[in-house]
N, C-alpha and C. Protein backbone atom coordinates (compact mmCIF):
# COMPACT_ATOMS: atom_id res chain seq x y z
N MET A 1 1.00 -1.24 0.07
CA MET A 1 -0.15 0.18 -0.10
C MET A 1 0.90 1.50 0.01
N ALA A 2 0.49 2.23 -0.68
CA ALA A 2 1.16 3.55 -0.77
C ALA A 2 1.23 4.13 0.64
N ASN A 3 2.30 4.93 0.70
CA ASN A 3 2.43 5.55 1.96
C ASN A 3 1.71 6.82 1.88
N LEU A 4 0.93 7.14 2.94
CA LEU A 4 -0.04 8.38 2.98
C LEU A 4 0.73 9.71 3.44
N VAL A 5 1.88 9.65 3.72
CA VAL A 5 2.57 10.81 4.50
C VAL A 5 2.68 12.17 3.63
N PRO A 6 3.22 11.66 2.57
CA PRO A 6 3.35 12.89 1.44
C PRO A 6 2.07 13.42 1.03
N ALA A 7 1.03 12.65 0.97
CA ALA A 7 -0.33 13.07 0.49
C ALA A 7 -0.99 13.90 1.71
N THR A 8 -0.68 13.26 2.88
CA THR A 8 -1.27 14.16 4.01
C THR A 8 -0.64 15.38 4.09
N VAL A 9 0.69 15.58 4.03
CA VAL A 9 1.40 16.77 4.30
C VAL A 9 0.80 17.87 3.15
N GLY A 10 0.64 17.19 1.73
CA GLY A 10 0.39 18.22 0.75
C GLY A 10 -1.16 18.51 1.02
N SER A 11 -2.14 17.61 1.45
CA SER A 11 -3.43 18.31 1.51
C SER A 11 -3.56 18.97 2.79
N VAL A 12 -2.84 18.96 3.80
CA VAL A 12 -2.92 19.51 5.24
C VAL A 12 -2.49 21.12 4.78
N SER A 13 -1.36 21.17 4.10
CA SER A 13 -0.91 22.66 3.68
C SER A 13 -1.89 23.19 2.77
N GLY A 14 -2.73 22.64 1.97
CA GLY A 14 -3.63 23.12 1.08
C GLY A 14 -5.07 23.50 1.85
N LEU A 15 -5.12 22.56 2.90
CA LEU A 15 -6.54 23.03 3.76
C LEU A 15 -6.07 24.11 4.74
N ALA A 16 -5.02 24.40 4.98
CA ALA A 16 -4.52 25.42 5.80
C ALA A 16 -4.57 26.70 5.23
N ALA A 17 -4.41 26.89 3.90
CA ALA A 17 -4.30 27.87 3.18
C ALA A 17 -5.92 28.38 2.88
N ALA A 18 -6.81 27.11 2.80
CA ALA A 18 -8.06 27.52 2.47
C ALA A 18 -8.73 28.06 3.73
N LEU A 19 -8.18 27.51 4.90
CA LEU A 19 -8.85 28.04 6.32
C LEU A 19 -8.22 29.23 6.87
N VAL A 20 -7.63 30.19 6.08
CA VAL A 20 -6.97 31.20 6.40
C VAL A 20 -8.18 32.16 6.72
N GLY A 21 -7.86 32.83 8.07
CA GLY A 21 -9.17 33.59 8.61
C GLY A 21 -10.23 32.91 9.41
N ALA A 22 -9.94 31.32 9.37
CA ALA A 22 -10.95 30.66 10.34
C ALA A 22 -10.31 30.88 11.53
N PRO A 23 -11.19 30.27 12.60
CA PRO A 23 -10.76 30.33 14.15
C PRO A 23 -9.64 29.44 14.02
N TRP A 24 -8.77 29.70 14.97
CA TRP A 24 -7.46 28.96 15.15
C TRP A 24 -7.75 27.38 15.49
N TRP A 25 -8.81 27.09 15.87
CA TRP A 25 -8.84 25.82 16.13
C TRP A 25 -9.25 24.64 15.07
N ALA A 26 -9.83 25.48 13.93
CA ALA A 26 -10.11 24.77 12.81
C ALA A 26 -9.08 24.17 12.03
N PRO A 27 -7.95 24.78 11.64
CA PRO A 27 -6.85 24.22 11.09
C PRO A 27 -6.24 23.25 12.00
N VAL A 28 -5.95 23.58 13.38
CA VAL A 28 -5.56 22.64 14.21
C VAL A 28 -6.13 21.13 14.29
N LEU A 29 -7.46 21.29 14.28
CA LEU A 29 -8.37 20.13 14.21
C LEU A 29 -8.11 19.23 12.88
N CYS A 30 -8.02 20.13 11.91
CA CYS A 30 -7.76 19.41 10.71
C CYS A 30 -6.58 18.68 10.66
N LEU A 31 -5.50 19.54 11.32
CA LEU A 31 -4.23 19.05 11.14
C LEU A 31 -4.22 17.48 12.06
N VAL A 32 -4.83 17.60 13.36
CA VAL A 32 -4.67 16.43 13.97
C VAL A 32 -5.48 15.28 13.52
N LEU A 33 -6.67 15.52 12.75
CA LEU A 33 -7.28 14.58 12.21
C LEU A 33 -6.54 13.84 11.05
N ALA A 34 -5.95 14.75 10.27
CA ALA A 34 -4.94 14.04 9.29
C ALA A 34 -4.11 13.49 9.70
N LEU A 35 -3.21 13.93 10.67
CA LEU A 35 -1.94 13.03 11.15
C LEU A 35 -2.45 11.71 11.89
N GLY A 36 -3.73 11.90 12.39
CA GLY A 36 -4.15 10.78 13.11
C GLY A 36 -4.27 9.53 12.25
N VAL A 37 -5.09 9.96 11.15
CA VAL A 37 -5.36 8.93 10.09
C VAL A 37 -3.93 8.36 9.59
N THR A 38 -3.04 9.19 9.42
CA THR A 38 -1.63 8.78 8.87
C THR A 38 -0.83 7.69 9.77
N VAL A 39 -1.02 8.14 11.05
CA VAL A 39 -0.48 7.31 12.29
C VAL A 39 -1.03 5.92 12.27
N VAL A 40 -2.13 5.95 12.08
CA VAL A 40 -3.19 4.84 12.02
C VAL A 40 -2.55 3.79 10.84
N GLN A 41 -2.32 4.36 9.78
CA GLN A 41 -1.81 3.60 8.78
C GLN A 41 -0.37 3.16 9.05
N ILE A 42 0.27 3.99 9.58
CA ILE A 42 1.70 3.44 9.84
C ILE A 42 1.78 2.59 11.11
N VAL A 43 1.12 2.40 12.07
CA VAL A 43 1.01 1.62 13.36
C VAL A 43 0.55 0.29 13.13
N PHE A 44 -0.59 0.33 12.45
CA PHE A 44 -1.43 -0.82 12.11
C PHE A 44 -0.91 -1.56 11.01
N PRO A 45 -0.75 -2.74 10.87
CA PRO A 45 -0.29 -3.63 9.42
C PRO A 45 -1.49 -3.35 8.35
N GLN A 46 -0.76 -3.14 7.22
CA GLN A 46 -1.64 -3.14 6.18
C GLN A 46 -1.81 -4.35 5.35
N ASP A 47 -0.97 -5.45 5.31
CA ASP A 47 -1.12 -6.60 4.59
C ASP A 47 -2.11 -7.33 5.30
N SER A 48 -2.85 -8.01 4.69
CA SER A 48 -4.24 -8.80 5.33
C SER A 48 -3.74 -10.05 6.16
N THR A 49 -2.66 -10.50 5.62
CA THR A 49 -2.40 -11.51 6.55
C THR A 49 -1.53 -11.29 7.95
N ASP A 50 -0.82 -10.17 7.81
CA ASP A 50 -0.06 -9.24 9.03
C ASP A 50 -1.46 -8.84 9.83
N ARG A 51 -2.43 -8.49 9.24
CA ARG A 51 -3.47 -7.64 10.11
C ARG A 51 -4.44 -8.91 10.72
N LEU A 52 -4.40 -10.09 9.99
CA LEU A 52 -4.97 -11.29 10.94
C LEU A 52 -3.96 -11.67 11.78
N ALA A 53 -2.71 -11.91 11.72
CA ALA A 53 -2.08 -12.16 12.87
C ALA A 53 -2.11 -11.23 14.16
N TRP A 54 -2.15 -10.07 13.87
CA TRP A 54 -2.17 -8.79 14.75
C TRP A 54 -3.63 -9.03 15.57
N TRP A 55 -4.70 -9.25 15.04
CA TRP A 55 -5.91 -9.48 15.75
C TRP A 55 -6.07 -10.89 16.50
N THR A 56 -5.34 -11.80 15.95
CA THR A 56 -5.21 -12.94 16.53
C THR A 56 -4.68 -12.99 18.02
N ASP A 57 -3.44 -12.44 17.57
CA ASP A 57 -2.45 -12.20 18.93
C ASP A 57 -3.20 -11.28 19.84
N ARG A 58 -3.80 -10.29 19.58
CA ARG A 58 -4.47 -9.30 20.38
C ARG A 58 -5.66 -10.15 21.33
N ARG A 59 -6.41 -10.88 20.44
CA ARG A 59 -7.42 -11.69 20.98
C ARG A 59 -6.97 -12.76 21.93
N GLU A 60 -5.88 -13.41 21.47
CA GLU A 60 -5.16 -14.27 22.52
C GLU A 60 -4.65 -13.48 24.07
N HIS A 61 -4.13 -12.58 23.66
CA HIS A 61 -3.54 -11.69 24.78
C HIS A 61 -4.76 -11.36 25.63
N LYS A 62 -5.76 -11.02 25.30
CA LYS A 62 -6.90 -10.49 26.02
C LYS A 62 -7.49 -11.63 26.90
N GLN A 63 -7.51 -12.71 26.14
CA GLN A 63 -7.96 -13.83 26.60
C GLN A 63 -7.10 -14.43 28.01
N ARG A 64 -5.71 -14.47 27.71
CA ARG A 64 -4.81 -14.76 29.07
C ARG A 64 -5.08 -13.78 30.02
N ARG A 65 -5.33 -12.42 29.77
CA ARG A 65 -5.58 -11.51 30.73
C ARG A 65 -6.57 -11.87 31.75
N ARG A 66 -7.82 -12.15 30.86
CA ARG A 66 -9.00 -12.57 31.35
C ARG A 66 -9.01 -13.79 32.29
N ASP A 67 -8.25 -14.72 31.81
CA ASP A 67 -8.03 -15.92 32.49
C ASP A 67 -7.11 -15.95 33.81
N ASP A 68 -6.23 -15.06 33.86
CA ASP A 68 -5.27 -14.72 34.98
C ASP A 68 -6.00 -14.00 36.29
N ARG A 69 -7.31 -13.45 35.70
CA ARG A 69 -7.64 -12.89 37.12
C ARG A 69 -8.26 -13.92 37.98
């Protein structure tokens, strides 16, 4: 899957230019949302087999924590 970071930076800078004159929190909110989406893509695996392994490991971890109580 393609890296979203360059597209995010480009779109955020265009959005900031469009929001000139808006309240200070509007561009900050847009920046935080755009960076949040990018971080999610970077942190979570994008390949379907890796994603399945991640969720399986998470489910097993939660089950072990529940059994330890």
